[in-house]
Amino acid sequence: MSRRVEVVWEDDLVQYNFGRGHPMAPVRVELTIRLARALGVLDHANVHVVPPGYADDDLLQTVHTPELLAAVRRCAADPDRVELEFGLGTDDNPCFPGMHDASARVAAGTVEMATAVLSGRADHGVNIIGGLHHSMPERASGFCIYNDIALGIRTLLDGGVERVAYVDVDVHHGDGVQHIFWDDPRVMTISLHETPRTLFPGTGYPEETGGPSADGTAVNVALPPGTTDAGWLRAFHATVPPLLAEFAPQVLVTQHGCDSHAEDPLAHLALSVDGQATTYAELHRLAHELCEGRWVVTGGGGYAVVDVVPRAWTHLLAVVADAPVDPATDLPDSWRGYVSERLGRAAPYRMTDGARTGYVPWENGYDPADWLDRAVLATRRAVFPLYGLDPHW
């Protein structure tokens, strides 16, 4: 069992709220924490729930420009404001009262978890409302105001960590994190996502491999629409473990957007909650195998707010706590009743989608006529030779 796991949470974190009708509804995180508590996931002796602090300007400016911070403050004071230069006031990133303070608290949560892992206070640290991977140094993007992940990685680097690996399993490309560390050989970014041909943000092709001083440290697996658990897990195992083993990170940072699910309304992959939970378990294993357990975990996207997000992220919290929840577990009547009362919707009955999560390993051979296999091979060809690995086998 992990010696100590920290989960950063306070109920007022749901103030990161773009308003009624926006896909990133904070109720998805509220329901996750409520379900995790109902199932006892947060009651294990090694799990400690801690409040977030507040990211001041000096901290935020380790990644973001002063001009962006000033624009966010202007929008917080005037929610009708539009600042297109900074990506604010758009349909994706509408302004809301308290925007700066709410965003700074989310950012602080991931920084606090990075600090806990860096100091040895915790083996694993989780900020389930974090994972805002699209924001750039000078502008907000894709529901993301401040890039908490990049701030957390910067904290690790500034604290003396020599190699950080970042693995992003959100359905959207982790473009902001990749951009920020594009030419930094100390950071490997690996993103598995739906092909940019069909999905925002339009980046994340396998040819994007890093800057001149860090070639091979940006890794992108662009998956075809309709990819299922079997294809996803085949692609994951064909790329992530071998590359992490060669890079030999000292800390693993992961983003767990669950919008790869078949029921997510904003994307086109077809994973199940079972397949997602299998990925969480594999990343947990890799954190212990390669990083002596040092693991910083964030949430991310996910817009099926009742049927998917609470179950997926409760599985994630349970895996991080080293106490996985049996997929056959019934959802508590108290939680299902709360969903009905709060949202007027029926909730799922069990923690599983009933899916099988087997896959054919890459080592068994590949089919050049298959879109998934072509996508995986394109990534391996782009990056594997830089580490002395055979892209085909």
Protein backbone atom coordinates (compact mmCIF):
# COMPACT_ATOMS: atom_id res chain seq x y z
CA MET A 1 0.00 0.00 0.00
CA SER A 2 1.17 3.54 -0.74
CA ARG A 3 2.48 5.11 2.45
CA ARG A 4 0.42 8.28 2.13
CA VAL A 5 -2.01 9.55 -0.49
CA GLU A 6 -3.20 13.15 -0.52
CA VAL A 7 -6.39 14.27 -2.23
CA VAL A 8 -6.83 18.01 -2.49
CA TRP A 9 -10.44 19.07 -2.09
CA GLU A 10 -12.75 21.67 -0.63
CA ASP A 11 -16.38 22.02 -1.63
CA ASP A 12 -15.88 25.59 -2.83
CA LEU A 13 -13.58 24.40 -5.61
CA VAL A 14 -16.77 24.05 -7.66
CA GLN A 15 -16.65 27.84 -8.02
CA TYR A 16 -14.58 27.12 -11.13
CA ASN A 17 -17.84 27.39 -13.03
CA PHE A 18 -18.42 28.73 -16.54
CA GLY A 19 -22.14 28.91 -15.94
CA ARG A 20 -25.38 27.19 -16.78
CA GLY A 21 -25.29 25.10 -19.94
CA HIS A 22 -21.49 24.93 -20.21
CA PRO A 23 -20.19 21.38 -20.77
CA MET A 24 -17.66 21.61 -17.93
CA ALA A 25 -20.32 21.53 -15.26
CA PRO A 26 -18.78 21.51 -11.77
CA VAL A 27 -21.48 19.10 -10.60
CA ARG A 28 -19.47 16.34 -12.28
CA VAL A 29 -16.73 16.78 -9.68
CA GLU A 30 -19.18 17.27 -6.82
CA LEU A 31 -20.82 13.94 -7.75
CA THR A 32 -17.40 12.26 -7.96
CA ILE A 33 -16.38 13.29 -4.46
CA ARG A 34 -19.81 12.39 -3.10
CA LEU A 35 -19.62 8.92 -4.70
CA ALA A 36 -16.05 8.33 -3.51
CA ARG A 37 -17.13 9.20 0.02
CA ALA A 38 -20.23 7.01 -0.19
CA LEU A 39 -18.08 4.03 -1.22
CA GLY A 40 -15.50 4.69 1.50
CA VAL A 41 -12.72 5.43 -0.97
CA LEU A 42 -11.61 8.51 0.97
CA ASP A 43 -11.82 6.73 4.34
CA HIS A 44 -8.79 4.47 3.94
CA ALA A 45 -6.10 5.03 6.56
CA ASN A 46 -3.52 6.10 3.98
CA VAL A 47 -5.80 8.71 2.33
CA HIS A 48 -5.73 12.30 3.56
CA VAL A 49 -8.02 14.98 2.16
CA VAL A 50 -6.35 18.40 2.29
CA PRO A 51 -7.55 21.87 1.30
CA PRO A 52 -5.94 23.77 -1.59
CA GLY A 53 -4.09 26.99 -1.08
CA TYR A 54 -4.07 29.92 -3.46
CA ALA A 55 -1.64 30.46 -6.34
CA ASP A 56 -0.28 34.01 -6.16
CA ASP A 57 0.97 35.96 -9.14
CA ASP A 58 4.61 34.95 -8.65
CA LEU A 59 3.64 31.28 -8.84
CA LEU A 60 1.28 31.70 -11.78
CA GLN A 61 3.92 33.66 -13.68
CA THR A 62 6.29 30.70 -13.63
CA VAL A 63 4.12 29.56 -16.57
CA HIS A 64 1.76 32.41 -17.53
CA THR A 65 2.32 35.99 -18.66
CA PRO A 66 1.37 38.96 -16.47
CA GLU A 67 -0.84 40.14 -19.32
CA LEU A 68 -2.99 36.98 -19.13
CA LEU A 69 -3.40 37.33 -15.37
CA ALA A 70 -4.47 40.95 -15.79
CA ALA A 71 -6.99 39.98 -18.48
CA VAL A 72 -8.47 37.24 -16.30
CA ARG A 73 -8.89 39.73 -13.47
CA ARG A 74 -10.63 42.18 -15.80
CA CYS A 75 -13.01 39.46 -16.93
CA ALA A 76 -13.67 38.40 -13.34
CA ALA A 77 -14.74 41.96 -12.56
CA ASP A 78 -16.84 42.27 -15.72
CA PRO A 79 -18.28 38.88 -16.78
CA ASP A 80 -19.72 40.37 -19.98
CA ARG A 81 -16.26 41.34 -21.14
CA VAL A 82 -14.67 39.80 -24.24
CA GLU A 83 -10.87 39.57 -24.53
CA LEU A 84 -10.32 37.49 -27.65
CA GLU A 85 -6.56 38.09 -27.61
CA PHE A 86 -6.47 36.13 -24.36
CA GLY A 87 -9.11 33.53 -25.28
CA LEU A 88 -11.60 34.98 -22.81
CA GLY A 89 -15.26 35.78 -23.24
CA THR A 90 -15.70 33.03 -25.83
CA ASP A 91 -18.20 30.17 -25.87
CA ASP A 92 -15.45 27.88 -24.57
CA ASN A 93 -14.17 30.27 -21.92
CA PRO A 94 -16.96 32.64 -20.90
CA CYS A 95 -16.06 35.05 -18.14
CA PHE A 96 -17.58 34.57 -14.69
CA PRO A 97 -17.39 36.40 -11.36
CA GLY A 98 -14.38 35.31 -9.34
CA MET A 99 -12.73 33.71 -12.38
CA HIS A 100 -9.19 34.56 -11.31
CA ASP A 101 -9.58 33.40 -7.72
CA ALA A 102 -11.33 30.16 -8.68
CA SER A 103 -8.70 29.38 -11.33
CA ALA A 104 -5.86 30.20 -8.94
CA ARG A 105 -7.24 27.75 -6.38
CA VAL A 106 -7.43 24.95 -8.95
CA ALA A 107 -3.85 25.73 -9.95
CA ALA A 108 -2.75 25.77 -6.33
CA GLY A 109 -4.23 22.31 -5.80
CA THR A 110 -1.98 20.66 -8.37
CA VAL A 111 1.05 22.63 -7.19
CA GLU A 112 0.32 21.50 -3.64
CA MET A 113 0.14 17.87 -4.76
CA ALA A 114 3.43 18.25 -6.65
CA THR A 115 4.97 19.76 -3.53
CA ALA A 116 3.67 16.89 -1.38
CA VAL A 117 5.23 14.33 -3.70
CA LEU A 118 8.45 16.34 -4.10
CA SER A 119 8.94 16.65 -0.35
CA GLY A 120 8.16 13.01 0.32
CA ARG A 121 5.12 13.94 2.39
CA ALA A 122 3.00 11.79 0.07
CA ASP A 123 3.65 9.08 -2.48
CA HIS A 124 0.65 10.06 -4.60
CA GLY A 125 -1.17 13.38 -4.81
CA VAL A 126 -4.52 13.93 -6.56
CA ASN A 127 -6.26 17.09 -7.74
CA ILE A 128 -9.40 15.72 -9.33
CA ILE A 129 -10.66 19.15 -10.44
CA GLY A 130 -7.31 19.91 -12.06
CA GLY A 131 -6.03 18.74 -15.43
CA LEU A 132 -6.54 22.00 -17.35
CA HIS A 133 -4.15 21.01 -20.09
CA HIS A 134 -5.11 23.37 -22.93
CA SER A 135 -4.20 26.78 -21.48
CA MET A 136 -1.13 28.45 -22.94
CA PRO A 137 1.27 30.88 -21.30
CA GLU A 138 -0.44 33.87 -22.87
CA ARG A 139 -4.06 32.75 -23.34
CA ALA A 140 -6.87 30.58 -22.03
CA SER A 141 -8.12 27.75 -24.23
CA GLY A 142 -10.58 24.86 -24.21
CA PHE A 143 -12.24 25.43 -20.81
CA CYS A 144 -8.80 25.97 -19.24
CA ILE A 145 -7.79 29.31 -17.72
CA TYR A 146 -4.52 28.52 -15.93
CA ASN A 147 -2.49 25.41 -16.71
CA ASP A 148 -2.30 23.72 -13.32
CA ILE A 149 -0.45 20.73 -14.77
CA ALA A 150 2.37 22.85 -16.19
CA LEU A 151 2.57 24.74 -12.90
CA GLY A 152 2.88 21.45 -11.04
CA ILE A 153 5.60 20.18 -13.39
CA ARG A 154 7.44 23.50 -13.10
CA THR A 155 7.33 23.11 -9.32
CA LEU A 156 8.91 19.67 -9.60
CA LEU A 157 11.66 20.93 -11.92
CA ASP A 158 12.38 23.96 -9.75
CA GLY A 159 12.60 21.57 -6.80
CA GLY A 160 15.41 19.63 -8.43
CA VAL A 161 13.63 16.80 -10.26
CA GLU A 162 15.70 15.96 -13.33
CA ARG A 163 13.14 14.02 -15.40
CA VAL A 164 9.34 14.29 -15.29
CA ALA A 165 7.08 12.16 -17.45
CA TYR A 166 3.60 13.45 -18.25
CA VAL A 167 0.98 11.03 -19.60
CA ASP A 168 -2.33 12.47 -20.83
CA VAL A 169 -5.22 10.10 -21.55
CA ASP A 170 -7.87 12.77 -22.19
CA VAL A 171 -9.63 12.42 -25.56
CA HIS A 172 -8.22 15.84 -26.52
CA HIS A 173 -4.55 16.47 -27.19
CA GLY A 174 -2.64 17.88 -24.23
CA ASP A 175 -1.45 20.81 -26.32
CA GLY A 176 -0.78 23.37 -23.60
CA VAL A 177 1.52 21.13 -21.58
CA GLN A 178 3.32 19.98 -24.72
CA HIS A 179 3.80 23.57 -25.87
CA ILE A 180 5.16 24.79 -22.54
CA PHE A 181 7.76 22.01 -22.31
CA TRP A 182 8.32 21.61 -26.06
CA ASP A 183 12.06 22.27 -25.90
CA ASP A 184 12.79 21.04 -22.37
CA PRO A 185 14.59 17.68 -22.39
CA ARG A 186 13.71 17.16 -18.72
CA VAL A 187 10.02 16.62 -19.52
CA MET A 188 8.50 13.88 -21.66
CA THR A 189 4.88 14.52 -22.66
CA ILE A 190 2.86 11.56 -23.95
CA SER A 191 -0.68 12.18 -25.16
CA LEU A 192 -3.14 9.56 -26.40
CA HIS A 193 -6.09 11.29 -28.00
CA GLU A 194 -8.59 11.28 -30.84
CA THR A 195 -6.97 12.25 -34.11
CA PRO A 196 -6.70 16.03 -34.61
CA ARG A 197 -8.34 15.52 -37.99
CA THR A 198 -11.68 15.21 -36.22
CA LEU A 199 -11.33 16.91 -32.83
CA PHE A 200 -10.20 20.06 -31.02
CA PRO A 201 -7.51 21.39 -30.66
CA GLY A 202 -6.30 20.20 -34.06
CA THR A 203 -2.80 19.32 -32.85
CA GLY A 204 -1.12 16.18 -31.62
CA TYR A 205 0.14 14.52 -34.79
CA PRO A 206 2.84 11.86 -34.40
CA GLU A 207 5.33 14.12 -36.21
CA GLU A 208 5.21 16.54 -33.26
CA THR A 209 8.19 15.17 -31.36
CA GLY A 210 9.69 18.13 -29.48
CA GLY A 211 12.01 21.07 -30.01
CA PRO A 212 15.61 21.06 -31.24
CA SER A 213 16.97 20.55 -27.72
CA ALA A 214 14.38 17.92 -26.79
CA ASP A 215 13.58 15.86 -29.87
CA GLY A 216 11.69 12.72 -28.88
CA THR A 217 10.27 14.10 -25.65
CA ALA A 218 6.89 14.94 -27.20
CA VAL A 219 4.95 11.78 -28.04
CA ASN A 220 1.53 11.78 -29.69
CA VAL A 221 -0.75 8.83 -30.41
CA ALA A 222 -3.59 10.06 -32.63
CA LEU A 223 -6.36 7.47 -32.42
CA PRO A 224 -9.15 6.97 -34.97
CA PRO A 225 -12.76 7.78 -34.06
CA GLY A 226 -14.57 4.75 -32.70
CA THR A 227 -11.52 3.33 -30.91
CA THR A 228 -12.71 0.87 -28.25
CA ASP A 229 -11.10 -0.47 -25.07
CA ALA A 230 -9.22 -3.15 -26.99
CA GLY A 231 -7.73 -0.66 -29.45
CA TRP A 232 -6.97 1.94 -26.79
CA LEU A 233 -5.19 -0.55 -24.52
CA ARG A 234 -3.28 -1.98 -27.47
CA ALA A 235 -2.08 1.54 -28.38
CA PHE A 236 -1.29 2.42 -24.77
CA HIS A 237 0.81 -0.67 -24.13
CA ALA A 238 2.56 -0.35 -27.50
CA THR A 239 3.83 3.14 -26.67
CA VAL A 240 3.69 4.27 -23.06
CA PRO A 241 5.54 1.59 -21.03
CA PRO A 242 8.53 1.19 -23.36
CA LEU A 243 9.06 4.93 -23.74
CA LEU A 244 8.74 5.61 -20.03
CA ALA A 245 11.20 2.83 -19.31
CA GLU A 246 13.76 4.45 -21.62
CA PHE A 247 13.17 7.97 -20.33
CA ALA A 248 13.41 6.80 -16.69
CA PRO A 249 11.37 9.55 -15.04
CA GLN A 250 11.73 10.40 -11.38
CA VAL A 251 8.12 11.58 -11.07
CA LEU A 252 5.05 10.62 -13.09
CA VAL A 253 2.35 13.25 -13.72
CA THR A 254 -0.90 12.13 -15.32
CA GLN A 255 -4.08 13.72 -16.67
CA HIS A 256 -7.20 11.55 -16.66
CA GLY A 257 -9.87 13.18 -18.77
CA CYS A 258 -12.59 10.55 -19.10
CA ASP A 259 -14.10 12.04 -22.26
CA SER A 260 -12.78 9.05 -24.19
CA HIS A 261 -15.91 7.20 -23.06
CA ALA A 262 -18.45 6.08 -25.66
CA GLU A 263 -21.16 8.22 -24.06
CA ASP A 264 -19.19 11.46 -23.94
CA PRO A 265 -21.07 14.11 -25.96
CA LEU A 266 -18.04 16.04 -27.20
CA ALA A 267 -15.85 13.36 -28.79
CA HIS A 268 -15.90 10.14 -30.77
CA LEU A 269 -13.96 7.39 -29.01
CA ALA A 270 -15.75 4.39 -27.53
CA LEU A 271 -14.09 3.36 -24.29
CA SER A 272 -15.93 2.00 -21.26
CA VAL A 273 -15.46 2.87 -17.61
CA ASP A 274 -13.84 -0.55 -17.30
CA GLY A 275 -11.25 0.25 -19.96
CA GLN A 276 -10.50 3.59 -18.33
CA ALA A 277 -10.04 1.97 -14.92
CA THR A 278 -7.65 -0.54 -16.47
CA THR A 279 -5.53 2.36 -17.74
CA TYR A 280 -5.47 3.93 -14.26
CA ALA A 281 -4.19 0.68 -12.78
CA GLU A 282 -1.44 0.46 -15.38
CA LEU A 283 -0.29 4.01 -14.69
CA HIS A 284 -0.26 3.23 -10.97
CA ARG A 285 1.94 0.22 -11.67
CA LEU A 286 4.32 2.31 -13.79
CA ALA A 287 4.58 4.98 -11.09
CA HIS A 288 5.78 2.37 -8.63
CA GLU A 289 7.95 0.48 -11.10
CA LEU A 290 9.74 3.52 -12.54
CA CYS A 291 9.34 6.41 -10.08
CA GLU A 292 9.38 4.77 -6.64
CA GLY A 293 5.70 5.60 -6.40
CA ARG A 294 6.02 9.36 -6.97
CA TRP A 295 2.79 10.17 -8.81
CA VAL A 296 0.86 13.43 -9.31
CA VAL A 297 -2.67 12.82 -10.61
CA THR A 298 -5.24 15.21 -12.10
CA GLY A 299 -8.70 14.95 -13.59
CA GLY A 300 -9.43 16.72 -16.88
CA GLY A 301 -12.24 16.54 -19.40
CA GLY A 302 -15.36 14.42 -19.23
CA TYR A 303 -18.84 15.69 -20.01
CA ALA A 304 -21.18 12.78 -19.36
CA VAL A 305 -21.62 14.26 -15.92
CA VAL A 306 -23.79 11.56 -14.34
CA ASP A 307 -23.25 8.34 -16.27
CA VAL A 308 -19.46 8.44 -16.66
CA VAL A 309 -17.43 11.03 -14.76
CA PRO A 310 -18.32 10.10 -11.16
CA ARG A 311 -17.75 6.40 -11.75
CA ALA A 312 -14.55 6.83 -13.76
CA TRP A 313 -12.94 9.21 -11.30
CA THR A 314 -14.07 7.23 -8.27
CA HIS A 315 -12.25 4.29 -9.83
CA LEU A 316 -9.25 6.60 -10.29
CA LEU A 317 -9.28 7.73 -6.66
CA ALA A 318 -9.59 4.12 -5.53
CA VAL A 319 -6.66 3.01 -7.69
CA VAL A 320 -4.53 5.86 -6.36
CA ALA A 321 -5.46 4.79 -2.82
CA ASP A 322 -4.29 1.27 -3.71
CA ALA A 323 -7.77 -0.03 -2.91
CA PRO A 324 -9.52 -0.59 -6.26
CA VAL A 325 -13.30 -0.82 -6.28
CA ASP A 326 -14.75 -4.06 -7.62
CA PRO A 327 -16.43 -3.15 -10.94
CA ALA A 328 -19.47 -5.20 -9.91
CA THR A 329 -20.08 -2.90 -6.93
CA ASP A 330 -23.57 -1.43 -6.78
CA LEU A 331 -23.80 2.33 -6.56
CA PRO A 332 -25.18 3.35 -3.16
CA ASP A 333 -28.89 4.12 -3.06
CA SER A 334 -28.07 7.33 -1.19
CA TRP A 335 -25.92 8.54 -4.09
CA ARG A 336 -28.42 7.53 -6.72
CA GLY A 337 -31.15 9.26 -4.77
CA TYR A 338 -29.07 12.43 -4.55
CA VAL A 339 -28.58 12.42 -8.33
CA SER A 340 -32.32 12.07 -8.85
CA GLU A 341 -33.09 14.86 -6.40
CA ARG A 342 -30.31 17.18 -7.55
CA LEU A 343 -30.58 16.71 -11.32
CA GLY A 344 -33.84 14.88 -11.94
CA ARG A 345 -31.95 12.11 -13.70
CA ALA A 346 -31.54 8.38 -13.26
CA ALA A 347 -28.04 7.28 -12.29
CA PRO A 348 -26.23 4.07 -13.26
CA TYR A 349 -26.63 1.05 -11.01
CA ARG A 350 -23.10 -0.34 -10.91
CA MET A 351 -19.48 0.73 -11.16
CA THR A 352 -19.04 -1.23 -14.38
CA ASP A 353 -20.20 -0.95 -17.97
CA GLY A 354 -19.89 -4.73 -18.20
CA ALA A 355 -17.11 -4.44 -20.77
CA ARG A 356 -14.21 -6.80 -21.35
CA THR A 357 -10.80 -5.17 -21.40
CA GLY A 358 -8.65 -7.66 -23.25
CA TYR A 359 -6.42 -6.54 -26.11
CA VAL A 360 -3.95 -8.01 -28.59
CA PRO A 361 -0.37 -6.99 -27.70
CA TRP A 362 1.63 -5.22 -30.38
CA GLU A 363 4.27 -7.95 -30.18
CA ASN A 364 1.75 -10.38 -31.69
CA GLY A 365 1.96 -8.49 -34.98
CA TYR A 366 0.32 -5.51 -36.62
CA ASP A 367 -1.96 -4.95 -39.59
CA PRO A 368 -0.88 -2.10 -41.92
CA ALA A 369 -4.43 -1.96 -43.30
CA ASP A 370 -5.88 -1.19 -39.88
CA TRP A 371 -6.28 2.55 -39.00
CA LEU A 372 -5.45 2.02 -35.35
CA ASP A 373 -2.33 0.04 -36.12
CA ARG A 374 -1.22 2.65 -38.64
CA ALA A 375 -1.65 5.34 -35.99
CA VAL A 376 0.39 3.41 -33.45
CA LEU A 377 3.10 2.61 -35.98
CA ALA A 378 3.32 6.28 -37.00
CA THR A 379 4.05 7.23 -33.40
CA ARG A 380 6.56 4.45 -32.92
CA ARG A 381 8.34 5.35 -36.16
CA ALA A 382 8.53 9.00 -35.15
CA VAL A 383 9.95 8.45 -31.67
CA PHE A 384 11.20 4.93 -30.99
CA PRO A 385 14.43 5.16 -33.06
CA LEU A 386 15.45 8.22 -31.01
CA TYR A 387 15.64 5.86 -28.00
CA GLY A 388 17.24 2.98 -29.85
CA LEU A 389 13.97 1.05 -30.03
CA ASP A 390 12.67 -0.87 -33.04
CA PRO A 391 9.45 0.85 -34.15
CA HIS A 392 8.03 -2.34 -35.63
CA TRP A 393 8.62 -4.77 -32.77
